[in-house]
Amino acid sequence: MAPEREGDAAIVERIHAMSLRLGGQVFRNQAVLRRDGDLQKLPAIDCPTLIVAGARDRLRSLEEASEMMEAIPNAKMEIIETGQMIHIEAVVTSPRFPVRLNE
């Protein structure tokens, strides 16, 4: 999450509840996955594509998001004032976010 939201008890509690619900094994499984890049496959995408990036994401850089956008024909990018947890943080920072996907 974005550094300035680390003290937001509601967001921290949602993330904590998610981790309890999923269990430790899910997180261990995610940590050991090999994730090779597929940048060379992106030009084959043939549908409208929106890349959503968190401006304060500490795991994925805006440069990585830009690379993806540039590799996909006619893709657009939306940068949201969030960290990695866009699906949770965007509710607080960008209440219109779901609407923007349809514009």
N, C-alpha and C. Protein backbone atom coordinates (compact mmCIF):
# COMPACT_ATOMS: atom_id res chain seq x y z
N MET A 1 0.84 -1.17 0.00
CA MET A 1 0.00 0.00 0.00
C MET A 1 0.89 1.24 0.00
N ALA A 2 0.30 2.36 -0.32
CA ALA A 2 1.06 3.61 -0.33
C ALA A 2 1.55 3.92 1.08
N PRO A 3 2.76 4.42 1.21
CA PRO A 3 3.32 4.68 2.54
C PRO A 3 2.43 5.54 3.43
N GLU A 4 1.78 6.53 2.84
CA GLU A 4 0.96 7.42 3.66
C GLU A 4 -0.33 6.75 4.16
N ARG A 5 -0.65 5.55 3.67
CA ARG A 5 -1.85 4.86 4.15
C ARG A 5 -1.53 3.74 5.15
N GLU A 6 -0.26 3.57 5.48
CA GLU A 6 0.10 2.51 6.41
C GLU A 6 -0.55 2.70 7.78
N GLY A 7 -0.92 3.92 8.12
CA GLY A 7 -1.59 4.19 9.39
C GLY A 7 -3.11 4.17 9.30
N ASP A 8 -3.66 3.88 8.12
CA ASP A 8 -5.11 3.83 7.93
C ASP A 8 -5.62 2.49 8.46
N ALA A 9 -6.21 2.53 9.64
CA ALA A 9 -6.62 1.30 10.32
C ALA A 9 -7.62 0.48 9.50
N ALA A 10 -8.52 1.13 8.79
CA ALA A 10 -9.53 0.40 8.00
C ALA A 10 -8.87 -0.38 6.87
N ILE A 11 -7.94 0.24 6.16
CA ILE A 11 -7.26 -0.45 5.06
C ILE A 11 -6.38 -1.56 5.60
N VAL A 12 -5.63 -1.29 6.65
CA VAL A 12 -4.76 -2.32 7.24
C VAL A 12 -5.60 -3.50 7.70
N GLU A 13 -6.75 -3.24 8.29
CA GLU A 13 -7.62 -4.32 8.77
C GLU A 13 -8.16 -5.15 7.60
N ARG A 14 -8.52 -4.52 6.49
CA ARG A 14 -9.00 -5.27 5.32
C ARG A 14 -7.91 -6.20 4.79
N ILE A 15 -6.69 -5.69 4.72
CA ILE A 15 -5.58 -6.52 4.22
C ILE A 15 -5.30 -7.65 5.20
N HIS A 16 -5.33 -7.36 6.48
CA HIS A 16 -5.10 -8.38 7.50
C HIS A 16 -6.18 -9.46 7.43
N ALA A 17 -7.44 -9.04 7.31
CA ALA A 17 -8.54 -10.00 7.21
C ALA A 17 -8.38 -10.88 5.98
N MET A 18 -7.95 -10.30 4.87
CA MET A 18 -7.72 -11.06 3.65
C MET A 18 -6.64 -12.11 3.88
N SER A 19 -5.56 -11.73 4.56
CA SER A 19 -4.47 -12.69 4.80
C SER A 19 -4.94 -13.83 5.70
N LEU A 20 -5.76 -13.52 6.69
CA LEU A 20 -6.29 -14.57 7.56
C LEU A 20 -7.23 -15.50 6.81
N ARG A 21 -8.08 -14.91 5.97
CA ARG A 21 -9.04 -15.69 5.20
C ARG A 21 -8.32 -16.64 4.22
N LEU A 22 -7.27 -16.16 3.58
CA LEU A 22 -6.56 -16.97 2.58
C LEU A 22 -5.60 -17.97 3.23
N GLY A 23 -5.01 -17.58 4.34
CA GLY A 23 -4.09 -18.46 5.04
C GLY A 23 -2.66 -18.30 4.58
N GLY A 24 -1.76 -18.70 5.43
CA GLY A 24 -0.33 -18.54 5.17
C GLY A 24 0.17 -19.32 3.98
N GLN A 25 -0.42 -20.48 3.71
CA GLN A 25 0.06 -21.30 2.60
C GLN A 25 -0.13 -20.59 1.25
N VAL A 26 -1.20 -19.84 1.11
CA VAL A 26 -1.43 -19.09 -0.13
C VAL A 26 -0.30 -18.10 -0.36
N PHE A 27 0.10 -17.40 0.67
CA PHE A 27 1.18 -16.42 0.54
C PHE A 27 2.52 -17.11 0.27
N ARG A 28 2.76 -18.25 0.90
CA ARG A 28 3.99 -19.00 0.63
C ARG A 28 4.01 -19.49 -0.83
N ASN A 29 2.86 -19.97 -1.31
CA ASN A 29 2.78 -20.43 -2.71
C ASN A 29 3.06 -19.28 -3.67
N GLN A 30 2.52 -18.11 -3.40
CA GLN A 30 2.75 -16.94 -4.25
C GLN A 30 4.22 -16.55 -4.26
N ALA A 31 4.85 -16.65 -3.11
CA ALA A 31 6.25 -16.22 -2.98
C ALA A 31 7.21 -17.08 -3.78
N VAL A 32 6.88 -18.34 -4.00
CA VAL A 32 7.81 -19.23 -4.70
C VAL A 32 7.49 -19.39 -6.19
N LEU A 33 6.43 -18.74 -6.67
CA LEU A 33 6.09 -18.83 -8.09
C LEU A 33 7.18 -18.19 -8.95
N ARG A 34 7.51 -18.84 -10.02
CA ARG A 34 8.43 -18.25 -10.99
C ARG A 34 7.58 -17.40 -11.94
N ARG A 35 7.94 -16.14 -12.08
CA ARG A 35 7.15 -15.23 -12.89
C ARG A 35 8.02 -14.61 -13.98
N ASP A 36 8.18 -15.36 -15.04
CA ASP A 36 8.94 -14.85 -16.17
C ASP A 36 8.13 -13.76 -16.87
N GLY A 37 8.81 -12.81 -17.44
CA GLY A 37 8.13 -11.75 -18.17
C GLY A 37 7.57 -12.24 -19.49
N ASP A 38 6.47 -11.66 -19.90
CA ASP A 38 5.84 -11.99 -21.17
C ASP A 38 5.71 -10.76 -22.06
N LEU A 39 6.60 -9.81 -21.90
CA LEU A 39 6.52 -8.56 -22.64
C LEU A 39 6.44 -8.79 -24.14
N GLN A 40 7.14 -9.79 -24.63
CA GLN A 40 7.15 -10.06 -26.07
C GLN A 40 5.79 -10.57 -26.58
N LYS A 41 4.93 -11.07 -25.70
CA LYS A 41 3.61 -11.56 -26.11
C LYS A 41 2.55 -10.46 -26.14
N LEU A 42 2.81 -9.34 -25.50
CA LEU A 42 1.80 -8.30 -25.38
C LEU A 42 1.33 -7.71 -26.70
N PRO A 43 2.18 -7.56 -27.72
CA PRO A 43 1.68 -7.01 -28.99
C PRO A 43 0.57 -7.84 -29.63
N ALA A 44 0.40 -9.08 -29.23
CA ALA A 44 -0.65 -9.93 -29.78
C ALA A 44 -2.03 -9.63 -29.19
N ILE A 45 -2.09 -8.85 -28.13
CA ILE A 45 -3.38 -8.51 -27.53
C ILE A 45 -4.14 -7.65 -28.52
N ASP A 46 -5.37 -8.08 -28.81
CA ASP A 46 -6.16 -7.43 -29.86
C ASP A 46 -7.52 -6.98 -29.32
N CYS A 47 -7.50 -6.33 -28.18
CA CYS A 47 -8.75 -5.80 -27.62
C CYS A 47 -8.40 -4.54 -26.82
N PRO A 48 -9.40 -3.70 -26.57
CA PRO A 48 -9.12 -2.50 -25.76
C PRO A 48 -8.53 -2.91 -24.41
N THR A 49 -7.46 -2.24 -24.03
CA THR A 49 -6.74 -2.61 -22.81
C THR A 49 -6.45 -1.37 -21.98
N LEU A 50 -6.75 -1.45 -20.70
CA LEU A 50 -6.43 -0.38 -19.76
C LEU A 50 -5.44 -0.91 -18.74
N ILE A 51 -4.28 -0.30 -18.69
CA ILE A 51 -3.27 -0.63 -17.69
C ILE A 51 -3.54 0.28 -16.49
N VAL A 52 -3.73 -0.29 -15.33
CA VAL A 52 -3.97 0.49 -14.11
C VAL A 52 -2.73 0.37 -13.25
N ALA A 53 -2.15 1.52 -12.89
CA ALA A 53 -0.92 1.53 -12.10
C ALA A 53 -1.10 2.41 -10.87
N GLY A 54 -0.51 1.97 -9.77
CA GLY A 54 -0.52 2.76 -8.55
C GLY A 54 0.69 3.69 -8.52
N ALA A 55 0.45 4.97 -8.37
CA ALA A 55 1.54 5.96 -8.37
C ALA A 55 2.55 5.70 -7.25
N ARG A 56 2.10 5.08 -6.16
CA ARG A 56 2.98 4.84 -5.02
C ARG A 56 3.22 3.34 -4.78
N ASP A 57 3.06 2.56 -5.83
CA ASP A 57 3.28 1.12 -5.76
C ASP A 57 4.77 0.86 -5.55
N ARG A 58 5.10 0.15 -4.48
CA ARG A 58 6.51 -0.13 -4.18
C ARG A 58 6.97 -1.47 -4.72
N LEU A 59 6.06 -2.22 -5.37
CA LEU A 59 6.43 -3.51 -5.96
C LEU A 59 6.56 -3.43 -7.47
N ARG A 60 5.72 -2.68 -8.12
CA ARG A 60 5.75 -2.53 -9.58
C ARG A 60 5.91 -1.05 -9.92
N SER A 61 6.87 -0.76 -10.76
CA SER A 61 7.17 0.64 -11.08
C SER A 61 6.27 1.16 -12.20
N LEU A 62 6.16 2.47 -12.27
CA LEU A 62 5.43 3.09 -13.36
C LEU A 62 6.12 2.81 -14.69
N GLU A 63 7.43 2.64 -14.66
CA GLU A 63 8.16 2.29 -15.88
C GLU A 63 7.70 0.93 -16.41
N GLU A 64 7.49 -0.04 -15.51
CA GLU A 64 7.00 -1.35 -15.94
C GLU A 64 5.60 -1.23 -16.55
N ALA A 65 4.75 -0.43 -15.93
CA ALA A 65 3.40 -0.23 -16.46
C ALA A 65 3.46 0.45 -17.83
N SER A 66 4.35 1.41 -17.98
CA SER A 66 4.50 2.10 -19.27
C SER A 66 4.99 1.14 -20.35
N GLU A 67 5.92 0.24 -19.99
CA GLU A 67 6.40 -0.76 -20.95
C GLU A 67 5.25 -1.62 -21.45
N MET A 68 4.38 -2.02 -20.52
CA MET A 68 3.24 -2.83 -20.91
C MET A 68 2.32 -2.05 -21.84
N MET A 69 2.03 -0.80 -21.49
CA MET A 69 1.14 0.01 -22.30
C MET A 69 1.71 0.19 -23.71
N GLU A 70 3.00 0.46 -23.78
CA GLU A 70 3.63 0.68 -25.08
C GLU A 70 3.66 -0.60 -25.92
N ALA A 71 3.69 -1.75 -25.29
CA ALA A 71 3.76 -3.02 -26.02
C ALA A 71 2.39 -3.48 -26.54
N ILE A 72 1.32 -3.00 -25.94
CA ILE A 72 -0.03 -3.42 -26.34
C ILE A 72 -0.61 -2.38 -27.29
N PRO A 73 -0.98 -2.78 -28.49
CA PRO A 73 -1.53 -1.81 -29.44
C PRO A 73 -2.76 -1.08 -28.87
N ASN A 74 -2.75 0.22 -28.97
CA ASN A 74 -3.88 1.08 -28.56
C ASN A 74 -4.24 0.97 -27.08
N ALA A 75 -3.32 0.55 -26.26
CA ALA A 75 -3.59 0.48 -24.81
C ALA A 75 -3.56 1.88 -24.21
N LYS A 76 -4.25 2.03 -23.10
CA LYS A 76 -4.25 3.28 -22.34
C LYS A 76 -3.79 2.94 -20.93
N MET A 77 -3.32 3.96 -20.22
CA MET A 77 -2.89 3.75 -18.85
C MET A 77 -3.55 4.77 -17.95
N GLU A 78 -3.98 4.31 -16.80
CA GLU A 78 -4.55 5.15 -15.76
C GLU A 78 -3.66 5.02 -14.54
N ILE A 79 -3.11 6.12 -14.07
CA ILE A 79 -2.29 6.11 -12.86
C ILE A 79 -3.16 6.61 -11.73
N ILE A 80 -3.26 5.80 -10.70
CA ILE A 80 -4.11 6.12 -9.56
C ILE A 80 -3.23 6.38 -8.35
N GLU A 81 -3.64 7.29 -7.51
CA GLU A 81 -2.86 7.66 -6.32
C GLU A 81 -2.98 6.60 -5.23
N THR A 82 -2.43 5.42 -5.54
CA THR A 82 -2.45 4.31 -4.59
C THR A 82 -1.09 3.62 -4.60
N GLY A 83 -0.99 2.62 -3.76
CA GLY A 83 0.16 1.73 -3.79
C GLY A 83 -0.23 0.45 -4.52
N GLN A 84 0.32 -0.68 -4.10
CA GLN A 84 0.08 -1.98 -4.72
C GLN A 84 -1.37 -2.45 -4.55
N MET A 85 -2.00 -2.07 -3.48
CA MET A 85 -3.34 -2.58 -3.16
C MET A 85 -4.43 -1.72 -3.80
N ILE A 86 -4.37 -1.56 -5.11
CA ILE A 86 -5.28 -0.69 -5.85
C ILE A 86 -6.73 -1.02 -5.54
N HIS A 87 -7.09 -2.28 -5.52
CA HIS A 87 -8.48 -2.68 -5.33
C HIS A 87 -9.03 -2.26 -3.97
N ILE A 88 -8.17 -2.02 -3.01
CA ILE A 88 -8.61 -1.56 -1.69
C ILE A 88 -8.42 -0.06 -1.56
N GLU A 89 -7.26 0.44 -1.95
CA GLU A 89 -6.95 1.85 -1.79
C GLU A 89 -7.76 2.77 -2.70
N ALA A 90 -8.11 2.31 -3.90
CA ALA A 90 -8.80 3.17 -4.86
C ALA A 90 -10.16 3.60 -4.35
N VAL A 91 -10.77 2.81 -3.49
CA VAL A 91 -12.05 3.18 -2.91
C VAL A 91 -11.91 4.49 -2.12
N VAL A 92 -10.77 4.65 -1.46
CA VAL A 92 -10.51 5.85 -0.66
C VAL A 92 -10.02 7.00 -1.53
N THR A 93 -9.11 6.71 -2.45
CA THR A 93 -8.44 7.78 -3.19
C THR A 93 -9.13 8.18 -4.49
N SER A 94 -9.83 7.25 -5.12
CA SER A 94 -10.43 7.50 -6.43
C SER A 94 -11.82 6.88 -6.49
N PRO A 95 -12.79 7.48 -5.81
CA PRO A 95 -14.12 6.86 -5.78
C PRO A 95 -14.75 6.69 -7.16
N ARG A 96 -14.32 7.48 -8.14
CA ARG A 96 -14.86 7.35 -9.49
C ARG A 96 -14.13 6.27 -10.29
N PHE A 97 -13.15 5.63 -9.73
CA PHE A 97 -12.33 4.69 -10.48
C PHE A 97 -13.13 3.66 -11.28
N PRO A 98 -14.10 2.94 -10.68
CA PRO A 98 -14.82 1.95 -11.48
C PRO A 98 -15.53 2.59 -12.69
N VAL A 99 -15.98 3.80 -12.53
CA VAL A 99 -16.66 4.49 -13.64
C VAL A 99 -15.68 4.76 -14.76
N ARG A 100 -14.45 5.16 -14.41
CA ARG A 100 -13.44 5.48 -15.42
C ARG A 100 -13.15 4.31 -16.34
N LEU A 101 -13.29 3.09 -15.84
CA LEU A 101 -13.03 1.93 -16.67
C LEU A 101 -13.99 1.86 -17.85
N ASN A 102 -15.17 2.42 -17.69
CA ASN A 102 -16.18 2.37 -18.73
C ASN A 102 -16.23 3.60 -19.61
N GLU A 103 -15.41 4.59 -19.35
CA GLU A 103 -15.46 5.84 -20.12
C GLU A 103 -14.69 5.72 -21.41
